[in-house]
C-alpha atoms as a PDB file:
ATOM      1  CA  MET A   1     133.265 -30.876  10.911  1.00  0.00           C
ATOM      2  CA  GLY A   2     131.680 -32.526  13.969  1.00  0.00           C
ATOM      3  CA  LYS A   3     129.069 -35.279  13.847  1.00  0.00           C
ATOM      4  CA  SER A   4     126.159 -32.915  14.559  1.00  0.00           C
ATOM      5  CA  GLU A   5     127.290 -30.487  11.846  1.00  0.00           C
ATOM      6  CA  LEU A   6     127.672 -33.347   9.380  1.00  0.00           C
ATOM      7  CA  GLN A   7     124.141 -34.599  10.123  1.00  0.00           C
ATOM      8  CA  ARG A   8     122.813 -31.076   9.702  1.00  0.00           C
ATOM      9  CA  GLU A   9     124.532 -30.774   6.309  1.00  0.00           C
ATOM     10  CA  VAL A  10     123.240 -34.180   5.199  1.00  0.00           C
ATOM     11  CA  ALA A  11     119.704 -33.224   6.247  1.00  0.00           C
ATOM     12  CA  TYR A  12     119.999 -29.929   4.359  1.00  0.00           C
ATOM     13  CA  ARG A  13     121.116 -31.641   1.145  1.00  0.00           C
ATOM     14  CA  LYS A  14     118.504 -34.390   1.330  1.00  0.00           C
ATOM     15  CA  ILE A  15     115.628 -31.984   1.904  1.00  0.00           C
ATOM     16  CA  LEU A  16     116.862 -29.762  -0.921  1.00  0.00           C
ATOM     17  CA  ASP A  17     117.151 -32.757  -3.271  1.00  0.00           C
ATOM     18  CA  ARG A  18     113.550 -33.721  -2.576  1.00  0.00           C
ATOM     19  CA  ILE A  19     112.367 -30.177  -3.167  1.00  0.00           C
ATOM     20  CA  ILE A  20     114.127 -30.085  -6.530  1.00  0.00           C
ATOM     21  CA  SER A  21     112.764 -33.494  -7.548  1.00  0.00           C
ATOM     22  CA  GLY A  22     109.224 -32.374  -6.752  1.00  0.00           C
ATOM     23  CA  GLU A  23     108.802 -34.978  -4.020  1.00  0.00           C
ATOM     24  CA  LEU A  24     108.107 -32.178  -1.538  1.00  0.00           C
ATOM     25  CA  SER A  25     105.315 -29.914  -2.744  1.00  0.00           C
ATOM     26  CA  VAL A  26     104.703 -26.243  -2.023  1.00  0.00           C
ATOM     27  CA  GLU A  27     101.113 -27.106  -1.189  1.00  0.00           C
ATOM     28  CA  GLU A  28     101.704 -29.232   1.899  1.00  0.00           C
ATOM     29  CA  PRO A  29     103.293 -28.103   5.188  1.00  0.00           C
ATOM     30  CA  LEU A  30     106.488 -29.835   6.226  1.00  0.00           C
ATOM     31  CA  SER A  31     106.918 -31.399   9.635  1.00  0.00           C
ATOM     32  CA  GLU A  32     110.066 -32.298  11.501  1.00  0.00           C
ATOM     33  CA  ARG A  33     108.684 -35.743  12.310  1.00  0.00           C
ATOM     34  CA  GLY A  34     107.637 -36.428   8.725  1.00  0.00           C
ATOM     35  CA  LEU A  35     111.000 -35.383   7.317  1.00  0.00           C
ATOM     36  CA  SER A  36     112.821 -37.323  10.024  1.00  0.00           C
ATOM     37  CA  ASP A  37     110.916 -40.494   9.132  1.00  0.00           C
ATOM     38  CA  MET A  38     111.358 -39.914   5.394  1.00  0.00           C
ATOM     39  CA  LEU A  39     115.098 -39.292   5.556  1.00  0.00           C
ATOM     40  CA  GLY A  40     116.059 -41.500   8.492  1.00  0.00           C
ATOM     41  CA  ILE A  41     117.685 -38.561  10.275  1.00  0.00           C
ATOM     42  CA  GLY A  42     117.092 -37.328  13.831  1.00  0.00           C
ATOM     43  CA  ARG A  43     114.753 -34.421  14.460  1.00  0.00           C
ATOM     44  CA  MET A  44     117.436 -32.044  15.750  1.00  0.00           C
ATOM     45  CA  PRO A  45     119.440 -32.023  12.476  1.00  0.00           C
ATOM     46  CA  ILE A  46     116.136 -31.733  10.589  1.00  0.00           C
ATOM     47  CA  ARG A  47     115.131 -28.720  12.691  1.00  0.00           C
ATOM     48  CA  GLU A  48     118.483 -27.048  12.047  1.00  0.00           C
ATOM     49  CA  ALA A  49     118.335 -27.826   8.318  1.00  0.00           C
ATOM     50  CA  ILE A  50     114.837 -26.324   8.092  1.00  0.00           C
ATOM     51  CA  ARG A  51     116.129 -23.159   9.721  1.00  0.00           C
ATOM     52  CA  ASP A  52     119.072 -23.024   7.299  1.00  0.00           C
ATOM     53  CA  LEU A  53     116.847 -23.601   4.261  1.00  0.00           C
ATOM     54  CA  ALA A  54     114.495 -20.844   5.422  1.00  0.00           C
ATOM     55  CA  ARG A  55     117.496 -18.528   5.800  1.00  0.00           C
ATOM     56  CA  ASP A  56     118.573 -19.394   2.250  1.00  0.00           C
ATOM     57  CA  GLY A  57     115.125 -18.616   0.832  1.00  0.00           C
ATOM     58  CA  VAL A  58     114.184 -22.207  -0.014  1.00  0.00           C
ATOM     59  CA  LEU A  59     111.593 -22.699   2.725  1.00  0.00           C
ATOM     60  CA  GLU A  60     109.068 -20.263   4.126  1.00  0.00           C
ATOM     61  CA  ILE A  61     107.905 -20.331   7.744  1.00  0.00           C
ATOM     62  CA  VAL A  62     104.322 -19.060   7.893  1.00  0.00           C
ATOM     63  CA  PRO A  63     102.989 -18.217  11.375  1.00  0.00           C
ATOM     64  CA  VAL A  64     100.197 -20.569  12.504  1.00  0.00           C
ATOM     65  CA  ARG A  65     100.150 -22.458   9.165  1.00  0.00           C
ATOM     66  CA  GLY A  66     103.609 -24.059   9.290  1.00  0.00           C
ATOM     67  CA  THR A  67     106.706 -24.444   7.108  1.00  0.00           C
ATOM     68  CA  PHE A  68     106.348 -24.670   3.331  1.00  0.00           C
ATOM     69  CA  VAL A  69     108.538 -25.014   0.266  1.00  0.00           C
ATOM     70  CA  ARG A  70     108.806 -21.511  -1.149  1.00  0.00           C
ATOM     71  CA  ALA A  71     107.045 -21.275  -4.497  1.00  0.00           C
ATOM     72  CA  ILE A  72     108.903 -19.989  -7.535  1.00  0.00           C
ATOM     73  CA  THR A  73     107.605 -16.605  -8.651  1.00  0.00           C
ATOM     74  CA  VAL A  74     108.248 -14.281 -11.567  1.00  0.00           C
ATOM     75  CA  ALA A  75     109.435 -11.605  -9.137  1.00  0.00           C
ATOM     76  CA  GLN A  76     111.966 -13.960  -7.524  1.00  0.00           C
ATOM     77  CA  ILE A  77     113.363 -15.026 -10.890  1.00  0.00           C
ATOM     78  CA  HIS A  78     113.654 -11.393 -11.960  1.00  0.00           C
ATOM     79  CA  GLU A  79     115.558 -10.451  -8.803  1.00  0.00           C
ATOM     80  CA  LEU A  80     117.857 -13.470  -9.004  1.00  0.00           C
ATOM     81  CA  PHE A  81     118.783 -12.845 -12.619  1.00  0.00           C
ATOM     82  CA  ASP A  82     119.344  -9.141 -11.973  1.00  0.00           C
ATOM     83  CA  VAL A  83     121.981 -10.114  -9.425  1.00  0.00           C
ATOM     84  CA  ARG A  84     123.407 -12.847 -11.637  1.00  0.00           C
ATOM     85  CA  GLN A  85     123.809 -10.386 -14.502  1.00  0.00           C
ATOM     86  CA  ALA A  86     125.812  -8.080 -12.257  1.00  0.00           C
ATOM     87  CA  LEU A  87     128.053 -10.760 -10.757  1.00  0.00           C
ATOM     88  CA  GLU A  88     128.502 -13.316 -13.522  1.00  0.00           C
ATOM     89  CA  CYS A  89     129.125 -10.883 -16.361  1.00  0.00           C
ATOM     90  CA  LEU A  90     131.919  -9.332 -14.316  1.00  0.00           C
ATOM     91  CA  ALA A  91     133.204 -12.804 -13.442  1.00  0.00           C
ATOM     92  CA  ALA A  92     133.302 -13.807 -17.117  1.00  0.00           C
ATOM     93  CA  GLN A  93     135.206 -10.654 -18.013  1.00  0.00           C
ATOM     94  CA  ARG A  94     137.744 -11.118 -15.218  1.00  0.00           C
ATOM     95  CA  ALA A  95     138.178 -14.819 -16.024  1.00  0.00           C
ATOM     96  CA  ALA A  96     139.026 -13.893 -19.611  1.00  0.00           C
ATOM     97  CA  GLU A  97     141.425 -11.173 -18.529  1.00  0.00           C
ATOM     98  CA  ASN A  98     143.164 -13.461 -16.032  1.00  0.00           C
ATOM     99  CA  GLY A  99     143.039 -16.594 -18.163  1.00  0.00           C
ATOM    100  CA  PRO A 100     140.980 -19.732 -17.478  1.00  0.00           C
ATOM    101  CA  THR A 101     141.774 -21.952 -14.531  1.00  0.00           C
ATOM    102  CA  PRO A 102     142.607 -25.598 -15.316  1.00  0.00           C
ATOM    103  CA  GLU A 103     139.312 -26.567 -13.676  1.00  0.00           C
ATOM    104  CA  LEU A 104     137.345 -24.268 -15.981  1.00  0.00           C
ATOM    105  CA  ALA A 105     139.167 -25.505 -19.076  1.00  0.00           C
ATOM    106  CA  GLU A 106     138.193 -29.075 -18.179  1.00  0.00           C
ATOM    107  CA  PHE A 107     134.536 -28.211 -18.755  1.00  0.00           C
ATOM    108  CA  ARG A 108     135.057 -28.114 -22.521  1.00  0.00           C
ATOM    109  CA  LYS A 109     135.106 -31.900 -22.743  1.00  0.00           C
ATOM    110  CA  ALA A 110     131.966 -32.275 -20.616  1.00  0.00           C
ATOM    111  CA  LEU A 111     130.126 -29.589 -22.584  1.00  0.00           C
ATOM    112  CA  GLU A 112     131.077 -31.066 -25.940  1.00  0.00           C
ATOM    113  CA  GLN A 113     129.978 -34.515 -24.781  1.00  0.00           C
ATOM    114  CA  SER A 114     126.643 -33.027 -23.716  1.00  0.00           C
ATOM    115  CA  ARG A 115     126.320 -31.431 -27.149  1.00  0.00           C
ATOM    116  CA  SER A 116     126.735 -34.811 -28.862  1.00  0.00           C
ATOM    117  CA  PRO A 117     125.141 -37.348 -26.504  1.00  0.00           C
ATOM    118  CA  VAL A 118     125.260 -41.024 -27.416  1.00  0.00           C
ATOM    119  CA  GLU A 119     121.854 -41.858 -25.945  1.00  0.00           C
ATOM    120  CA  GLY A 120     119.935 -38.579 -26.024  1.00  0.00           C
ATOM    121  CA  VAL A 121     120.088 -35.536 -23.773  1.00  0.00           C
ATOM    122  CA  ASP A 122     119.740 -36.065 -20.027  1.00  0.00           C
ATOM    123  CA  ILE A 123     118.237 -32.714 -19.077  1.00  0.00           C
ATOM    124  CA  ASP A 124     118.899 -33.006 -15.333  1.00  0.00           C
ATOM    125  CA  ASP A 125     122.551 -33.995 -15.799  1.00  0.00           C
ATOM    126  CA  THR A 126     123.134 -31.323 -18.438  1.00  0.00           C
ATOM    127  CA  TYR A 127     121.551 -28.672 -16.211  1.00  0.00           C
ATOM    128  CA  ALA A 128     123.775 -29.767 -13.312  1.00  0.00           C
ATOM    129  CA  VAL A 129     126.909 -29.532 -15.480  1.00  0.00           C
ATOM    130  CA  GLY A 130     125.836 -26.052 -16.539  1.00  0.00           C
ATOM    131  CA  MET A 131     125.400 -24.962 -12.931  1.00  0.00           C
ATOM    132  CA  GLU A 132     128.886 -26.172 -12.049  1.00  0.00           C
ATOM    133  CA  PHE A 133     130.290 -24.380 -15.097  1.00  0.00           C
ATOM    134  CA  HIS A 134     128.881 -21.097 -13.798  1.00  0.00           C
ATOM    135  CA  VAL A 135     130.356 -21.708 -10.343  1.00  0.00           C
ATOM    136  CA  GLU A 136     133.798 -22.497 -11.745  1.00  0.00           C
ATOM    137  CA  LEU A 137     133.650 -19.447 -13.995  1.00  0.00           C
ATOM    138  CA  VAL A 138     133.048 -17.269 -10.940  1.00  0.00           C
ATOM    139  CA  ARG A 139     135.996 -18.915  -9.188  1.00  0.00           C
ATOM    140  CA  ALA A 140     138.105 -18.206 -12.276  1.00  0.00           C
ATOM    141  CA  SER A 141     137.533 -14.481 -11.736  1.00  0.00           C
ATOM    142  CA  ARG A 142     140.067 -14.738  -8.859  1.00  0.00           C
ATOM    143  CA  ASN A 143     138.056 -12.024  -7.114  1.00  0.00           C
ATOM    144  CA  ALA A 144     137.582 -13.202  -3.533  1.00  0.00           C
ATOM    145  CA  LEU A 145     134.787 -10.741  -2.721  1.00  0.00           C
ATOM    146  CA  LEU A 146     132.861 -11.576  -5.888  1.00  0.00           C
ATOM    147  CA  ILE A 147     133.152 -15.290  -5.093  1.00  0.00           C
ATOM    148  CA  GLU A 148     132.001 -14.700  -1.518  1.00  0.00           C
ATOM    149  CA  MET A 149     128.952 -12.767  -2.741  1.00  0.00           C
ATOM    150  CA  TYR A 150     128.050 -15.336  -5.390  1.00  0.00           C
ATOM    151  CA  MET A 151     128.299 -18.618  -3.507  1.00  0.00           C
ATOM    152  CA  PRO A 152     125.171 -18.175  -1.327  1.00  0.00           C
ATOM    153  CA  LEU A 153     123.153 -17.717  -4.529  1.00  0.00           C
ATOM    154  CA  ARG A 154     123.922 -21.268  -5.648  1.00  0.00           C
ATOM    155  CA  VAL A 155     121.147 -22.736  -3.526  1.00  0.00           C
ATOM    156  CA  ARG A 156     118.506 -20.385  -4.938  1.00  0.00           C
ATOM    157  CA  TYR A 157     119.793 -21.039  -8.437  1.00  0.00           C
ATOM    158  CA  ARG A 158     119.650 -24.773  -7.819  1.00  0.00           C
ATOM    159  CA  THR A 159     116.015 -24.626  -6.711  1.00  0.00           C
ATOM    160  CA  LEU A 160     115.179 -23.481 -10.243  1.00  0.00           C
ATOM    161  CA  MET A 161     116.022 -27.023 -11.338  1.00  0.00           C
ATOM    162  CA  ARG A 162     112.351 -27.635 -10.534  1.00  0.00           C
ATOM    163  CA  LEU A 163     111.741 -25.925 -13.880  1.00  0.00           C
ATOM    164  CA  ALA A 164     114.255 -28.073 -15.770  1.00  0.00           C
ATOM    165  CA  ARG A 165     111.748 -30.896 -16.174  1.00  0.00           C
ATOM    166  CA  PHE A 166     109.727 -28.574 -18.438  1.00  0.00           C
ATOM    167  CA  TYR A 167     112.646 -27.759 -20.744  1.00  0.00           C
ATOM    168  CA  ASP A 168     112.698 -29.134 -24.246  1.00  0.00           C
ATOM    169  CA  GLN A 169     115.815 -30.404 -25.975  1.00  0.00           C
ATOM    170  CA  ASP A 170     116.260 -27.254 -28.076  1.00  0.00           C
ATOM    171  CA  TRP A 171     116.514 -25.077 -24.962  1.00  0.00           C
ATOM    172  CA  VAL A 172     119.026 -27.440 -23.403  1.00  0.00           C
ATOM    173  CA  MET A 173     121.187 -27.569 -26.524  1.00  0.00           C
ATOM    174  CA  ARG A 174     121.149 -23.780 -26.809  1.00  0.00           C
ATOM    175  CA  GLY A 175     122.407 -23.539 -23.237  1.00  0.00           C
ATOM    176  CA  ILE A 176     125.307 -25.867 -24.032  1.00  0.00           C
ATOM    177  CA  GLU A 177     126.242 -23.758 -27.058  1.00  0.00           C
ATOM    178  CA  ASP A 178     126.084 -20.618 -24.909  1.00  0.00           C
ATOM    179  CA  HIS A 179     128.468 -22.129 -22.376  1.00  0.00           C
ATOM    180  CA  LEU A 180     130.923 -23.096 -25.101  1.00  0.00           C
ATOM    181  CA  THR A 181     130.752 -19.577 -26.565  1.00  0.00           C
ATOM    182  CA  ILE A 182     131.536 -18.109 -23.143  1.00  0.00           C
ATOM    183  CA  LEU A 183     134.406 -20.551 -22.677  1.00  0.00           C
ATOM    184  CA  ASP A 184     135.774 -19.704 -26.144  1.00  0.00           C
ATOM    185  CA  ALA A 185     135.877 -16.008 -25.231  1.00  0.00           C
ATOM    186  CA  VAL A 186     137.516 -16.702 -21.861  1.00  0.00           C
ATOM    187  CA  GLU A 187     140.189 -18.893 -23.429  1.00  0.00           C
ATOM    188  CA  ALA A 188     140.785 -16.245 -26.110  1.00  0.00           C
ATOM    189  CA  GLY A 189     141.359 -13.646 -23.396  1.00  0.00           C
ATOM    190  CA  ASP A 190     138.561 -11.444 -24.765  1.00  0.00           C
ATOM    191  CA  GLY A 191     136.952  -9.908 -21.692  1.00  0.00           C
ATOM    192  CA  ALA A 192     134.378  -7.859 -23.592  1.00  0.00           C
ATOM    193  CA  ALA A 193     133.220 -10.862 -25.630  1.00  0.00           C
ATOM    194  CA  ALA A 194     133.031 -13.054 -22.522  1.00  0.00           C
ATOM    195  CA  ARG A 195     130.943 -10.449 -20.725  1.00  0.00           C
ATOM    196  CA  GLU A 196     128.624 -10.027 -23.716  1.00  0.00           C
ATOM    197  CA  ALA A 197     128.217 -13.789 -24.190  1.00  0.00           C
ATOM    198  CA  MET A 198     127.380 -14.272 -20.520  1.00  0.00           C
ATOM    199  CA  SER A 199     124.849 -11.445 -20.570  1.00  0.00           C
ATOM    200  CA  ALA A 200     123.096 -12.887 -23.626  1.00  0.00           C
ATOM    201  CA  HIS A 201     123.077 -16.362 -22.075  1.00  0.00           C
ATOM    202  CA  LEU A 202     121.580 -15.162 -18.796  1.00  0.00           C
ATOM    203  CA  GLU A 203     118.916 -13.192 -20.649  1.00  0.00           C
ATOM    204  CA  ARG A 204     117.897 -16.288 -22.629  1.00  0.00           C
ATOM    205  CA  SER A 205     117.858 -18.380 -19.456  1.00  0.00           C
ATOM    206  CA  TYR A 206     115.716 -15.781 -17.702  1.00  0.00           C
ATOM    207  CA  GLN A 207     113.248 -15.606 -20.584  1.00  0.00           C
ATOM    208  CA  SER A 208     112.935 -19.393 -20.802  1.00  0.00           C
ATOM    209  CA  LYS A 209     112.044 -19.653 -17.115  1.00  0.00           C
ATOM    210  CA  ILE A 210     109.542 -16.827 -17.348  1.00  0.00           C
ATOM    211  CA  ARG A 211     107.894 -18.534 -20.339  1.00  0.00           C
ATOM    212  CA  ILE A 212     107.543 -21.743 -18.332  1.00  0.00           C
ATOM    213  CA  LEU A 213     105.889 -19.916 -15.454  1.00  0.00           C
ATOM    214  CA  GLU A 214     103.597 -17.971 -17.754  1.00  0.00           C
ATOM    215  CA  SER A 215     102.560 -21.107 -19.645  1.00  0.00           C
ATOM    216  CA  MET A 216     101.588 -22.855 -16.407  1.00  0.00           C
ATOM    217  CA  ARG A 217      99.637 -20.052 -14.803  1.00  0.00           C
ATOM    218  CA  THR A 218      96.120 -20.816 -13.613  1.00  0.00           C
ATOM    219  CA  PRO A 219      93.756 -18.673 -11.502  1.00  0.00           C
ATOM    220  CA  ASN A 220      94.430 -20.905  -8.496  1.00  0.00           C
ATOM    221  CA  ALA A 221      98.196 -20.836  -8.986  1.00  0.00           C
ATOM    222  CA  LEU A 222      98.636 -17.116  -8.526  1.00  0.00           C
ATOM    223  CA  SER A 223      99.034 -15.074  -5.394  1.00  0.00           C
ATOM    224  CA  GLY A 224      98.906 -11.333  -5.915  1.00  0.00           C
ATOM    225  CA  SER A 225     101.157 -10.048  -8.698  1.00  0.00           C
ATOM    226  CA  GLY A 226     104.054 -12.359  -7.902  1.00  0.00           C
ATOM    227  CA  GLY A 227     103.030 -15.127 -10.261  1.00  0.00           C
ATOM    228  CA  VAL A 228     103.294 -17.965  -7.743  1.00  0.00           C
ATOM    229  CA  LEU A 229     103.598 -21.372  -9.339  1.00  0.00           C
ATOM    230  CA  PRO A 230     102.905 -24.405  -7.155  1.00  0.00           C
ATOM    231  CA  PHE A 231     104.584 -27.605  -8.282  1.00  0.00           C
ATOM    232  CA  PRO A 232     102.610 -30.798  -7.755  1.00  0.00           C
ATOM    233  CA  LYS A 233     104.334 -33.903  -6.500  1.00  0.00           C
ATOM    234  CA  ARG A 234     105.674 -36.271  -9.087  1.00  0.00           C
ATOM    235  CA  GLY A 235     103.518 -39.332  -9.295  1.00  0.00           C
END
């Protein structure tokens, strides 16, 4: 990777991190100069990263108005989880049929530690571990086309971490238990059970995110029937 490509990748990751943290709001247009000053990165890599993030559905370029962080909507969550159900349930089944990879098996320790934290549950860290578990499970399918189709979804999935700050501990703990149930089925070689466990887990995850959006709806937060939820900056 050349220097310009590396700077572009760094800019992409840093902008995405600030979107997830809530530092960049959906309500304010982004500028190349502002992001360049904020991140200490030249404007050319920033411009390229903005284009890449728009391609990946994270940013939205609105003619005349400018570039904005794309709001999370009920419709977007529904579409994303429809696709995840199709891909990840198959991945779980194939991982069970083929046997877990060593990398997937290593997640048991991390998941069990998350289930019994010494100093309380760190929701952001636990959510991140869960995301990586899903990615490794897809890799464990050993299906190259499935993996190729799934990987671009990771960015859109990661943007939903903006909702993680509204999770309560019970939701987080249930997610950990779901992941362990899926892993149990994969390690037992039970493809049907792995598929069923993944489907149930994704349905619960979908419903929890919809409940968060619904609970935060206000007349000014909606746009049409999409259920747009703007996230204010963290103070």
